[in-house]
Amino acid sequence: MQRYVITRNGKTTVITGWRAWFLSAVLLLGFWFLFAMVLFLFVGATITVGLLLLLLVPALGIAALFARLVSDR
């Protein structure tokens, strides 16, 4: 038996039956959505950092080689 007890401003409300199941389903979907958004945020940040490293490291290497070639030592 599913049951939720909510107390607000000294008034107690008990939610049972299909309303409790519906509340559980809504809360579960909400948490899944929140988890998916956090997951997408982290995956997006990881891809962005990886792409920047993939592009910047070789560019910095080429710039260092070019600077060494044109230096007037």
Protein backbone atom coordinates (compact mmCIF):
# COMPACT_ATOMS: atom_id res chain seq x y z
CA MET A 1 0.00 0.00 0.00
CA GLN A 2 1.46 3.31 -1.08
CA ARG A 3 0.95 6.25 1.23
CA TYR A 4 2.26 9.80 1.49
CA VAL A 5 1.84 11.95 4.59
CA ILE A 6 2.32 15.67 4.02
CA THR A 7 2.18 18.21 6.84
CA ARG A 8 1.85 21.89 5.98
CA ASN A 9 1.01 24.69 8.43
CA GLY A 10 0.01 22.16 11.07
CA LYS A 11 -2.48 20.43 8.75
CA THR A 12 -1.78 16.78 7.88
CA THR A 13 -2.83 15.37 4.52
CA VAL A 14 -2.61 11.66 3.71
CA ILE A 15 -2.39 10.70 0.04
CA THR A 16 -3.27 7.07 -0.75
CA GLY A 17 -4.53 4.96 -3.62
CA TRP A 18 -4.19 5.99 -7.24
CA ARG A 19 -3.19 9.54 -6.29
CA ALA A 20 -0.17 8.19 -4.40
CA TRP A 21 0.82 6.04 -7.38
CA PHE A 22 0.39 9.02 -9.70
CA LEU A 23 2.51 11.21 -7.41
CA SER A 24 5.20 8.51 -7.33
CA ALA A 25 5.21 8.28 -11.14
CA VAL A 26 5.46 12.06 -11.52
CA LEU A 27 8.30 12.27 -8.99
CA LEU A 28 10.14 9.40 -10.68
CA LEU A 29 9.82 11.02 -14.11
CA GLY A 30 10.97 14.33 -12.66
CA PHE A 31 14.08 12.78 -11.13
CA TRP A 32 14.83 10.91 -14.37
CA PHE A 33 14.55 14.19 -16.29
CA LEU A 34 16.82 15.97 -13.80
CA PHE A 35 19.37 13.13 -14.00
CA ALA A 36 19.27 13.22 -17.82
CA MET A 37 19.86 17.00 -17.85
CA VAL A 38 22.87 16.67 -15.51
CA LEU A 39 24.19 13.79 -17.62
CA PHE A 40 23.84 15.81 -20.84
CA LEU A 41 25.57 18.76 -19.18
CA PHE A 42 28.55 16.65 -18.13
CA VAL A 43 28.78 14.83 -21.46
CA GLY A 44 28.61 18.13 -23.33
CA ALA A 45 31.31 19.67 -21.14
CA THR A 46 33.50 16.59 -21.62
CA ILE A 47 33.12 16.68 -25.41
CA THR A 48 33.86 20.42 -25.46
CA VAL A 49 37.04 20.09 -23.38
CA GLY A 50 38.18 17.09 -25.42
CA LEU A 51 37.64 18.91 -28.70
CA LEU A 52 39.49 21.97 -27.44
CA LEU A 53 42.43 19.83 -26.36
CA LEU A 54 42.36 17.97 -29.66
CA LEU A 55 42.63 21.25 -31.57
CA LEU A 56 44.79 23.36 -29.25
CA VAL A 57 47.60 20.92 -28.41
CA PRO A 58 48.69 20.38 -32.03
CA ALA A 59 48.26 24.10 -32.76
CA LEU A 60 50.50 25.00 -29.83
CA GLY A 61 53.05 22.42 -30.99
CA ILE A 62 53.11 23.88 -34.50
CA ALA A 63 53.41 27.41 -33.07
CA ALA A 64 56.34 26.30 -30.90
CA LEU A 65 58.09 24.69 -33.86
CA PHE A 66 57.52 27.81 -35.96
CA ALA A 67 58.83 30.05 -33.17
CA ARG A 68 61.93 27.87 -32.87
CA LEU A 69 62.55 28.06 -36.62
CA VAL A 70 62.28 31.84 -36.82
CA SER A 71 64.11 32.63 -33.59
CA ASP A 72 67.35 34.57 -34.07
CA ARG A 73 69.66 32.60 -31.82
